[in-house]
């Protein structure tokens, strides 16, 4: 069997955290992509966490940049199990006394939804959008969050339901 190739380290203390997920990624490119994704999420940026912002590229002109394309491939095409990654993240949070759940915390459930035009995005259709207090075209994701006076972190997210008749934008 071939020895596993080392991955370029993530910046600063992020490497110690990222290394705890290495066994969940079979390829060097996946381990590198995970580190780049984490670094992008935590980096201070002037704009929202779009794919180009995560990769540190310009909004429109940078879409074809190698770092953006590499991150896009990791997030959408690379085969890795997001449920296993999330389970590991939750294990690490539960094991740390600073973030471990306790009786003084609460579970927050949000199913508010967002407006969305068109029919090509999965799970978009005419449905109740709680954020707006009315029915409209959009998508609804249910998120659960653990919160207490010290910490606030997401647990899970999932689609509320699949809009009947959705065909992936195909006629």
N, C-alpha and C. Protein backbone atom coordinates (compact mmCIF):
# COMPACT_ATOMS: atom_id res chain seq x y z
N UNK A 1 0.84 -1.19 0.00
CA UNK A 1 0.00 0.00 0.00
C UNK A 1 0.88 1.25 0.00
N UNK A 2 0.48 2.25 -0.73
CA UNK A 2 1.22 3.49 -0.84
C UNK A 2 1.02 4.33 0.42
N UNK A 3 2.10 4.96 0.87
CA UNK A 3 2.01 5.82 2.05
C UNK A 3 1.16 7.05 1.73
N UNK A 4 0.43 7.50 2.70
CA UNK A 4 -0.42 8.68 2.52
C UNK A 4 0.45 9.91 2.41
N UNK A 5 0.20 10.72 1.38
CA UNK A 5 0.96 11.95 1.17
C UNK A 5 0.53 13.01 2.16
N UNK A 6 1.50 13.76 2.72
CA UNK A 6 1.13 14.81 3.67
C UNK A 6 0.41 15.96 2.98
N UNK A 7 -0.45 16.59 3.72
CA UNK A 7 -1.24 17.71 3.21
C UNK A 7 -0.59 19.02 3.65
N UNK A 8 -0.59 20.03 2.80
CA UNK A 8 -0.10 21.35 3.24
C UNK A 8 -0.93 21.81 4.45
N UNK A 9 -0.25 22.34 5.43
CA UNK A 9 -0.90 22.72 6.69
C UNK A 9 -1.83 23.92 6.51
N UNK A 10 -2.91 23.89 7.27
CA UNK A 10 -3.81 25.04 7.34
C UNK A 10 -3.14 26.12 8.17
N UNK A 11 -3.57 27.38 8.02
CA UNK A 11 -2.93 28.46 8.77
C UNK A 11 -3.12 28.33 10.28
N UNK A 12 -2.06 28.63 11.01
CA UNK A 12 -2.09 28.73 12.46
C UNK A 12 -2.72 27.54 13.18
N UNK A 13 -3.52 27.83 14.19
CA UNK A 13 -4.12 26.76 15.00
C UNK A 13 -5.20 25.97 14.27
N UNK A 14 -5.60 26.40 13.08
CA UNK A 14 -6.62 25.70 12.31
C UNK A 14 -6.14 24.30 11.90
N UNK A 15 -4.83 24.12 11.74
CA UNK A 15 -4.29 22.83 11.32
C UNK A 15 -4.60 21.73 12.34
N UNK A 16 -4.46 22.03 13.62
CA UNK A 16 -4.74 21.02 14.65
C UNK A 16 -6.20 20.55 14.56
N UNK A 17 -7.10 21.48 14.32
CA UNK A 17 -8.51 21.15 14.19
C UNK A 17 -8.76 20.35 12.90
N UNK A 18 -8.25 20.85 11.78
CA UNK A 18 -8.47 20.20 10.48
C UNK A 18 -7.92 18.78 10.45
N UNK A 19 -6.80 18.55 11.10
CA UNK A 19 -6.17 17.22 11.11
C UNK A 19 -7.08 16.18 11.76
N UNK A 20 -7.98 16.60 12.60
CA UNK A 20 -8.90 15.66 13.26
C UNK A 20 -9.94 15.08 12.30
N UNK A 21 -10.00 15.62 11.09
CA UNK A 21 -10.94 15.14 10.08
C UNK A 21 -10.25 14.36 8.96
N UNK A 22 -8.93 14.28 9.00
CA UNK A 22 -8.18 13.69 7.89
C UNK A 22 -8.61 12.28 7.54
N UNK A 23 -8.97 11.47 8.52
CA UNK A 23 -9.35 10.09 8.22
C UNK A 23 -10.69 10.00 7.47
N UNK A 24 -11.43 11.10 7.40
CA UNK A 24 -12.71 11.10 6.68
C UNK A 24 -12.54 11.42 5.20
N UNK A 25 -11.33 11.80 4.80
CA UNK A 25 -11.05 12.16 3.41
C UNK A 25 -9.98 11.23 2.85
N UNK A 26 -10.33 10.51 1.79
CA UNK A 26 -9.43 9.52 1.23
C UNK A 26 -8.32 10.08 0.35
N UNK A 27 -8.46 11.28 -0.13
CA UNK A 27 -7.49 11.83 -1.08
C UNK A 27 -6.85 13.11 -0.54
N UNK A 28 -5.63 13.33 -0.98
CA UNK A 28 -4.91 14.54 -0.61
C UNK A 28 -5.69 15.79 -1.04
N UNK A 29 -6.25 15.79 -2.24
CA UNK A 29 -7.01 16.95 -2.73
C UNK A 29 -8.21 17.25 -1.82
N UNK A 30 -8.83 16.22 -1.27
CA UNK A 30 -9.96 16.44 -0.36
C UNK A 30 -9.49 17.05 0.95
N UNK A 31 -8.39 16.54 1.49
CA UNK A 31 -7.87 17.10 2.75
C UNK A 31 -7.47 18.56 2.55
N UNK A 32 -6.84 18.85 1.41
CA UNK A 32 -6.46 20.23 1.10
C UNK A 32 -7.71 21.10 0.92
N UNK A 33 -8.70 20.59 0.19
CA UNK A 33 -9.94 21.34 -0.02
C UNK A 33 -10.65 21.65 1.29
N UNK A 34 -10.66 20.69 2.20
CA UNK A 34 -11.30 20.90 3.50
C UNK A 34 -10.59 22.02 4.27
N UNK A 35 -9.27 22.02 4.25
CA UNK A 35 -8.51 23.07 4.93
C UNK A 35 -8.77 24.44 4.31
N UNK A 36 -8.80 24.49 2.98
CA UNK A 36 -9.06 25.76 2.30
C UNK A 36 -10.48 26.26 2.59
N UNK A 37 -11.42 25.34 2.65
CA UNK A 37 -12.80 25.71 2.96
C UNK A 37 -12.90 26.27 4.39
N UNK A 38 -12.30 25.59 5.36
CA UNK A 38 -12.32 26.09 6.74
C UNK A 38 -11.66 27.46 6.84
N UNK A 39 -10.50 27.61 6.22
CA UNK A 39 -9.79 28.89 6.26
C UNK A 39 -10.65 29.99 5.65
N UNK A 40 -11.33 29.69 4.54
CA UNK A 40 -12.19 30.69 3.90
C UNK A 40 -13.36 31.09 4.78
N UNK A 41 -13.95 30.11 5.48
CA UNK A 41 -15.07 30.43 6.37
C UNK A 41 -14.65 31.33 7.52
N UNK A 42 -13.44 31.16 8.00
CA UNK A 42 -12.98 31.90 9.18
C UNK A 42 -12.25 33.20 8.85
N UNK A 43 -11.89 33.38 7.59
CA UNK A 43 -11.14 34.58 7.21
C UNK A 43 -12.03 35.82 7.24
N UNK A 44 -11.49 36.93 7.72
CA UNK A 44 -12.29 38.17 7.69
C UNK A 44 -12.40 38.66 6.25
N UNK A 45 -13.62 38.83 5.79
CA UNK A 45 -13.87 39.27 4.42
C UNK A 45 -14.87 40.43 4.45
N UNK A 46 -14.81 41.28 3.43
CA UNK A 46 -15.71 42.42 3.34
C UNK A 46 -17.09 42.06 2.82
N UNK A 47 -17.23 40.88 2.25
CA UNK A 47 -18.53 40.50 1.67
C UNK A 47 -18.95 39.13 2.20
N UNK A 48 -20.16 38.75 1.87
CA UNK A 48 -20.69 37.48 2.34
C UNK A 48 -19.82 36.32 1.90
N UNK A 49 -20.06 35.19 2.48
CA UNK A 49 -19.25 34.01 2.22
C UNK A 49 -19.66 33.32 0.92
N UNK A 50 -19.44 34.01 -0.19
CA UNK A 50 -19.65 33.41 -1.49
C UNK A 50 -18.45 32.52 -1.82
N UNK A 51 -18.57 31.72 -2.85
CA UNK A 51 -17.47 30.84 -3.22
C UNK A 51 -16.21 31.63 -3.54
N UNK A 52 -16.34 32.74 -4.28
CA UNK A 52 -15.16 33.53 -4.59
C UNK A 52 -14.56 34.15 -3.34
N UNK A 53 -15.41 34.57 -2.39
CA UNK A 53 -14.89 35.14 -1.14
C UNK A 53 -14.17 34.06 -0.32
N UNK A 54 -14.73 32.86 -0.27
CA UNK A 54 -14.09 31.77 0.46
C UNK A 54 -12.69 31.49 -0.07
N UNK A 55 -12.53 31.63 -1.38
CA UNK A 55 -11.23 31.37 -2.01
C UNK A 55 -10.36 32.61 -2.05
N UNK A 56 -10.87 33.75 -1.59
CA UNK A 56 -10.09 34.98 -1.57
C UNK A 56 -9.92 35.61 -2.94
N UNK A 57 -10.91 35.45 -3.82
CA UNK A 57 -10.84 35.98 -5.18
C UNK A 57 -11.85 37.11 -5.36
N UNK A 58 -11.70 37.86 -6.44
CA UNK A 58 -12.63 38.93 -6.77
C UNK A 58 -14.00 38.34 -7.09
N UNK A 59 -15.10 39.05 -6.80
CA UNK A 59 -16.45 38.51 -6.95
C UNK A 59 -16.77 37.92 -8.32
N UNK A 60 -16.64 38.65 -9.39
CA UNK A 60 -17.04 38.14 -10.71
C UNK A 60 -15.81 37.70 -11.50
N UNK A 61 -14.84 38.56 -11.60
CA UNK A 61 -13.64 38.27 -12.40
C UNK A 61 -12.89 37.06 -11.86
N UNK A 62 -12.98 36.81 -10.56
CA UNK A 62 -12.24 35.72 -9.96
C UNK A 62 -12.90 34.36 -10.02
N UNK A 63 -14.10 34.28 -10.61
CA UNK A 63 -14.83 33.02 -10.64
C UNK A 63 -14.07 31.90 -11.34
N UNK A 64 -13.24 32.24 -12.30
CA UNK A 64 -12.47 31.23 -13.01
C UNK A 64 -11.11 30.97 -12.40
N UNK A 65 -10.79 31.65 -11.33
CA UNK A 65 -9.48 31.49 -10.67
C UNK A 65 -9.30 30.04 -10.21
N UNK A 66 -8.09 29.56 -10.28
CA UNK A 66 -7.79 28.17 -9.94
C UNK A 66 -8.24 27.80 -8.52
N UNK A 67 -8.02 28.70 -7.55
CA UNK A 67 -8.42 28.41 -6.17
C UNK A 67 -9.94 28.30 -6.04
N UNK A 68 -10.67 29.12 -6.79
CA UNK A 68 -12.13 29.08 -6.76
C UNK A 68 -12.62 27.78 -7.38
N UNK A 69 -12.05 27.41 -8.51
CA UNK A 69 -12.45 26.18 -9.18
C UNK A 69 -12.14 24.95 -8.33
N UNK A 70 -10.99 24.96 -7.66
CA UNK A 70 -10.60 23.85 -6.80
C UNK A 70 -11.58 23.71 -5.63
N UNK A 71 -11.96 24.83 -5.05
CA UNK A 71 -12.92 24.81 -3.94
C UNK A 71 -14.30 24.37 -4.43
N UNK A 72 -14.70 24.85 -5.61
CA UNK A 72 -15.97 24.43 -6.19
C UNK A 72 -16.00 22.93 -6.39
N UNK A 73 -14.92 22.36 -6.90
CA UNK A 73 -14.86 20.92 -7.12
C UNK A 73 -14.96 20.17 -5.79
N UNK A 74 -14.23 20.65 -4.77
CA UNK A 74 -14.28 19.99 -3.47
C UNK A 74 -15.70 19.98 -2.92
N UNK A 75 -16.39 21.12 -2.98
CA UNK A 75 -17.72 21.22 -2.38
C UNK A 75 -18.81 20.50 -3.17
N UNK A 76 -18.70 20.47 -4.48
CA UNK A 76 -19.82 19.95 -5.27
C UNK A 76 -19.55 18.64 -6.00
N UNK A 77 -18.32 18.31 -6.29
CA UNK A 77 -18.04 17.13 -7.10
C UNK A 77 -17.25 16.04 -6.38
N UNK A 78 -16.44 16.42 -5.43
CA UNK A 78 -15.61 15.45 -4.72
C UNK A 78 -16.49 14.56 -3.85
N UNK A 79 -16.15 13.29 -3.79
CA UNK A 79 -16.96 12.34 -3.00
C UNK A 79 -16.46 12.29 -1.57
N UNK A 80 -17.24 12.90 -0.67
CA UNK A 80 -16.99 12.81 0.76
C UNK A 80 -18.33 12.89 1.46
N UNK A 81 -18.39 12.35 2.65
CA UNK A 81 -19.65 12.20 3.36
C UNK A 81 -19.85 13.36 4.34
N UNK A 82 -20.68 14.32 3.97
CA UNK A 82 -20.90 15.48 4.82
C UNK A 82 -21.52 15.11 6.16
N UNK A 83 -22.29 14.05 6.20
CA UNK A 83 -22.89 13.61 7.49
C UNK A 83 -21.80 13.15 8.45
N UNK A 84 -20.80 12.44 7.94
CA UNK A 84 -19.70 11.99 8.80
C UNK A 84 -18.85 13.17 9.27
N UNK A 85 -18.64 14.15 8.39
CA UNK A 85 -17.88 15.34 8.78
C UNK A 85 -18.65 16.11 9.85
N UNK A 86 -19.96 16.28 9.67
CA UNK A 86 -20.77 16.98 10.66
C UNK A 86 -20.79 16.21 11.99
N UNK A 87 -20.89 14.89 11.93
CA UNK A 87 -20.89 14.08 13.16
C UNK A 87 -19.56 14.26 13.91
N UNK A 88 -18.45 14.30 13.18
CA UNK A 88 -17.15 14.52 13.83
C UNK A 88 -17.10 15.90 14.45
N UNK A 89 -17.60 16.91 13.74
CA UNK A 89 -17.63 18.28 14.27
C UNK A 89 -18.41 18.34 15.57
N UNK A 90 -19.56 17.66 15.60
CA UNK A 90 -20.38 17.66 16.81
C UNK A 90 -19.71 16.88 17.94
N UNK A 91 -19.01 15.79 17.62
CA UNK A 91 -18.24 15.04 18.63
C UNK A 91 -17.20 15.95 19.28
N UNK A 92 -16.49 16.69 18.46
CA UNK A 92 -15.44 17.58 18.98
C UNK A 92 -16.04 18.69 19.84
N UNK A 93 -17.18 19.23 19.44
CA UNK A 93 -17.83 20.26 20.25
C UNK A 93 -18.30 19.69 21.59
N UNK A 94 -18.85 18.48 21.56
CA UNK A 94 -19.35 17.86 22.80
C UNK A 94 -18.21 17.48 23.74
N UNK A 95 -17.05 17.17 23.19
CA UNK A 95 -15.92 16.75 24.02
C UNK A 95 -15.19 17.91 24.68
N UNK A 96 -15.36 19.11 24.18
CA UNK A 96 -14.68 20.29 24.71
C UNK A 96 -15.55 20.92 25.80
N UNK A 97 -15.02 21.05 27.02
CA UNK A 97 -15.83 21.64 28.11
C UNK A 97 -16.37 23.04 27.80
N UNK A 98 -15.67 23.78 26.96
CA UNK A 98 -16.12 25.14 26.63
C UNK A 98 -17.36 25.14 25.75
N UNK A 99 -17.60 24.06 25.00
CA UNK A 99 -18.73 24.03 24.07
C UNK A 99 -19.67 22.86 24.32
N UNK A 100 -19.38 22.02 25.29
CA UNK A 100 -20.21 20.85 25.56
C UNK A 100 -21.62 21.26 25.98
N UNK A 101 -22.62 20.52 25.50
CA UNK A 101 -24.00 20.82 25.90
C UNK A 101 -24.19 20.62 27.41
N UNK A 102 -25.08 21.40 27.99
CA UNK A 102 -25.42 21.28 29.41
C UNK A 102 -26.88 21.66 29.58
N UNK A 103 -27.40 21.45 30.76
CA UNK A 103 -28.82 21.68 31.03
C UNK A 103 -29.28 23.11 30.87
N UNK A 104 -28.37 24.07 30.84
CA UNK A 104 -28.76 25.47 30.71
C UNK A 104 -28.90 25.95 29.28
N UNK A 105 -28.71 25.06 28.32
CA UNK A 105 -28.80 25.46 26.92
C UNK A 105 -30.16 25.16 26.33
N UNK A 106 -30.35 25.59 25.11
CA UNK A 106 -31.62 25.35 24.41
C UNK A 106 -31.34 24.86 23.00
N UNK A 107 -32.33 24.20 22.43
CA UNK A 107 -32.31 23.80 21.04
C UNK A 107 -33.20 24.76 20.27
N UNK A 108 -32.65 25.41 19.26
CA UNK A 108 -33.39 26.36 18.45
C UNK A 108 -33.68 25.70 17.11
N UNK A 109 -34.95 25.73 16.70
CA UNK A 109 -35.35 25.17 15.41
C UNK A 109 -35.88 26.30 14.54
N UNK A 110 -35.33 26.43 13.34
CA UNK A 110 -35.72 27.50 12.43
C UNK A 110 -36.11 26.91 11.09
N UNK A 111 -37.27 27.26 10.60
CA UNK A 111 -37.73 26.80 9.29
C UNK A 111 -38.28 27.98 8.49
N UNK A 112 -37.56 29.09 8.50
CA UNK A 112 -38.12 30.33 7.98
C UNK A 112 -38.18 30.43 6.45
N UNK A 113 -37.24 29.94 5.71
CA UNK A 113 -37.30 29.96 4.25
C UNK A 113 -36.83 31.25 3.62
N UNK A 114 -36.50 31.15 2.34
CA UNK A 114 -36.02 32.30 1.56
C UNK A 114 -36.71 32.33 0.21
N UNK A 115 -36.96 33.54 -0.27
CA UNK A 115 -37.55 33.69 -1.61
C UNK A 115 -36.55 33.25 -2.66
N UNK A 116 -37.07 32.69 -3.73
CA UNK A 116 -36.23 32.26 -4.85
C UNK A 116 -37.06 32.25 -6.10
N UNK A 117 -36.57 32.88 -7.15
CA UNK A 117 -37.26 32.87 -8.44
C UNK A 117 -36.84 31.64 -9.22
N UNK A 118 -37.66 31.28 -10.18
CA UNK A 118 -37.31 30.21 -11.10
C UNK A 118 -37.69 28.84 -10.61
N UNK A 119 -37.28 27.84 -11.40
CA UNK A 119 -37.64 26.45 -11.09
C UNK A 119 -36.44 25.52 -11.19
N UNK A 120 -35.26 26.05 -11.40
CA UNK A 120 -34.10 25.20 -11.62
C UNK A 120 -33.36 24.81 -10.35
N UNK A 121 -33.63 25.42 -9.23
CA UNK A 121 -32.97 25.09 -7.99
C UNK A 121 -33.78 24.05 -7.24
N UNK A 122 -33.10 23.02 -6.73
CA UNK A 122 -33.78 21.95 -6.01
C UNK A 122 -34.59 22.50 -4.85
N UNK A 123 -35.76 21.95 -4.63
CA UNK A 123 -36.61 22.23 -3.48
C UNK A 123 -37.20 23.63 -3.47
N UNK A 124 -37.22 24.29 -4.62
CA UNK A 124 -37.83 25.61 -4.73
C UNK A 124 -39.20 25.46 -5.35
N UNK A 125 -40.17 26.08 -4.74
CA UNK A 125 -41.53 26.05 -5.26
C UNK A 125 -42.42 26.92 -4.40
N UNK A 126 -43.68 26.92 -4.70
CA UNK A 126 -44.64 27.73 -3.94
C UNK A 126 -44.88 27.04 -2.61
N UNK A 127 -44.50 27.69 -1.52
CA UNK A 127 -44.64 27.13 -0.18
C UNK A 127 -44.62 28.25 0.86
N UNK A 128 -44.93 27.90 2.09
CA UNK A 128 -44.96 28.87 3.18
C UNK A 128 -43.53 29.31 3.50
N UNK A 129 -43.31 30.63 3.50
CA UNK A 129 -42.01 31.22 3.83
C UNK A 129 -42.18 32.00 5.13
N UNK A 130 -41.86 31.37 6.22
CA UNK A 130 -42.07 31.95 7.54
C UNK A 130 -41.39 33.28 7.75
N UNK A 131 -40.25 33.48 7.15
CA UNK A 131 -39.52 34.74 7.30
C UNK A 131 -40.36 35.91 6.82
N UNK A 132 -41.21 35.66 5.81
CA UNK A 132 -42.03 36.71 5.23
C UNK A 132 -43.48 36.65 5.69
N UNK A 133 -43.84 35.58 6.38
CA UNK A 133 -45.20 35.45 6.88
C UNK A 133 -46.25 35.23 5.81
N UNK A 134 -45.83 34.64 4.69
CA UNK A 134 -46.79 34.37 3.62
C UNK A 134 -46.26 33.28 2.70
N UNK A 135 -47.16 32.81 1.84
CA UNK A 135 -46.79 31.81 0.85
C UNK A 135 -46.14 32.50 -0.33
N UNK A 136 -45.08 31.90 -0.86
CA UNK A 136 -44.40 32.46 -2.02
C UNK A 136 -43.49 31.43 -2.64
N UNK A 137 -42.86 31.80 -3.74
CA UNK A 137 -41.91 30.92 -4.39
C UNK A 137 -40.59 30.98 -3.63
N UNK A 138 -40.13 29.84 -3.17
CA UNK A 138 -38.89 29.84 -2.41
C UNK A 138 -38.51 28.46 -1.94
N UNK A 139 -37.49 28.42 -1.11
CA UNK A 139 -37.01 27.17 -0.53
C UNK A 139 -36.97 27.29 0.98
N UNK A 140 -37.28 26.19 1.65
CA UNK A 140 -37.29 26.19 3.11
C UNK A 140 -36.32 25.12 3.60
N UNK A 141 -35.40 25.55 4.43
CA UNK A 141 -34.47 24.64 5.07
C UNK A 141 -34.70 24.72 6.57
N UNK A 142 -34.76 23.57 7.21
CA UNK A 142 -34.88 23.53 8.66
C UNK A 142 -33.48 23.43 9.24
N UNK A 143 -33.16 24.33 10.14
CA UNK A 143 -31.87 24.28 10.81
C UNK A 143 -32.09 24.14 12.31
N UNK A 144 -31.20 23.41 12.95
CA UNK A 144 -31.22 23.30 14.40
C UNK A 144 -29.90 23.84 14.93
N UNK A 145 -30.01 24.57 16.04
CA UNK A 145 -28.86 25.25 16.62
C UNK A 145 -28.84 24.99 18.12
N UNK A 146 -27.66 24.79 18.68
CA UNK A 146 -27.48 24.66 20.13
C UNK A 146 -27.04 26.03 20.63
N UNK A 147 -27.70 26.53 21.65
CA UNK A 147 -27.37 27.86 22.16
C UNK A 147 -27.45 27.89 23.68
N UNK A 148 -26.56 28.64 24.28
CA UNK A 148 -26.62 28.97 25.70
C UNK A 148 -25.96 30.33 25.88
N UNK A 149 -25.71 30.73 27.11
CA UNK A 149 -25.16 32.06 27.35
C UNK A 149 -23.72 32.20 26.88
N UNK A 150 -23.05 31.07 26.55
CA UNK A 150 -21.64 31.13 26.13
C UNK A 150 -21.44 30.86 24.65
N UNK A 151 -22.19 29.92 24.10
CA UNK A 151 -21.94 29.48 22.72
C UNK A 151 -23.23 29.37 21.92
N UNK A 152 -23.06 29.35 20.60
CA UNK A 152 -24.16 29.23 19.66
C UNK A 152 -23.56 28.53 18.45
N UNK A 153 -24.00 27.31 18.16
CA UNK A 153 -23.46 26.64 16.98
C UNK A 153 -24.52 25.75 16.32
N UNK A 154 -24.42 25.65 14.98
CA UNK A 154 -25.39 24.83 14.24
C UNK A 154 -25.18 23.35 14.51
N UNK A 155 -26.30 22.62 14.54
CA UNK A 155 -26.24 21.16 14.69
C UNK A 155 -26.48 20.48 13.35
N UNK A 156 -27.62 20.75 12.76
CA UNK A 156 -27.99 20.12 11.49
C UNK A 156 -28.80 21.09 10.64
N UNK A 157 -28.84 20.80 9.35
CA UNK A 157 -29.69 21.53 8.41
C UNK A 157 -30.22 20.53 7.40
N UNK A 158 -31.47 20.72 7.00
CA UNK A 158 -32.06 19.84 6.01
C UNK A 158 -33.23 20.51 5.33
N UNK A 159 -33.56 20.02 4.16
CA UNK A 159 -34.69 20.55 3.41
C UNK A 159 -35.97 20.15 4.11
N UNK A 160 -36.89 21.10 4.26
CA UNK A 160 -38.14 20.83 4.94
C UNK A 160 -38.94 19.78 4.18
N UNK A 161 -39.11 19.98 2.89
CA UNK A 161 -39.77 18.97 2.07
C UNK A 161 -39.43 19.22 0.61
N UNK A 162 -39.60 18.20 -0.18
CA UNK A 162 -39.35 18.32 -1.61
C UNK A 162 -40.64 18.79 -2.27
N UNK A 163 -40.54 19.85 -3.06
CA UNK A 163 -41.69 20.39 -3.74
C UNK A 163 -42.18 19.39 -4.76
N UNK A 164 -43.47 19.05 -4.67
CA UNK A 164 -44.04 18.05 -5.57
C UNK A 164 -43.92 18.52 -7.02
N UNK A 165 -43.49 17.62 -7.87
CA UNK A 165 -43.38 17.94 -9.29
C UNK A 165 -42.06 18.54 -9.69
N UNK A 166 -41.11 18.74 -8.74
CA UNK A 166 -39.84 19.33 -9.11
C UNK A 166 -39.09 18.36 -10.00
N UNK A 167 -38.59 18.86 -11.12
CA UNK A 167 -37.92 17.99 -12.09
C UNK A 167 -36.48 18.42 -12.33
N UNK A 168 -35.94 19.20 -11.44
CA UNK A 168 -34.56 19.64 -11.62
C UNK A 168 -34.43 20.68 -12.73
N UNK A 169 -35.51 21.38 -13.02
CA UNK A 169 -35.48 22.42 -14.03
C UNK A 169 -35.67 21.90 -15.44
N UNK A 170 -35.89 20.61 -15.57
CA UNK A 170 -36.09 20.02 -16.91
C UNK A 170 -37.59 19.90 -17.19
N UNK A 171 -37.95 20.13 -18.41
CA UNK A 171 -39.37 20.05 -18.79
C UNK A 171 -39.83 18.62 -18.89
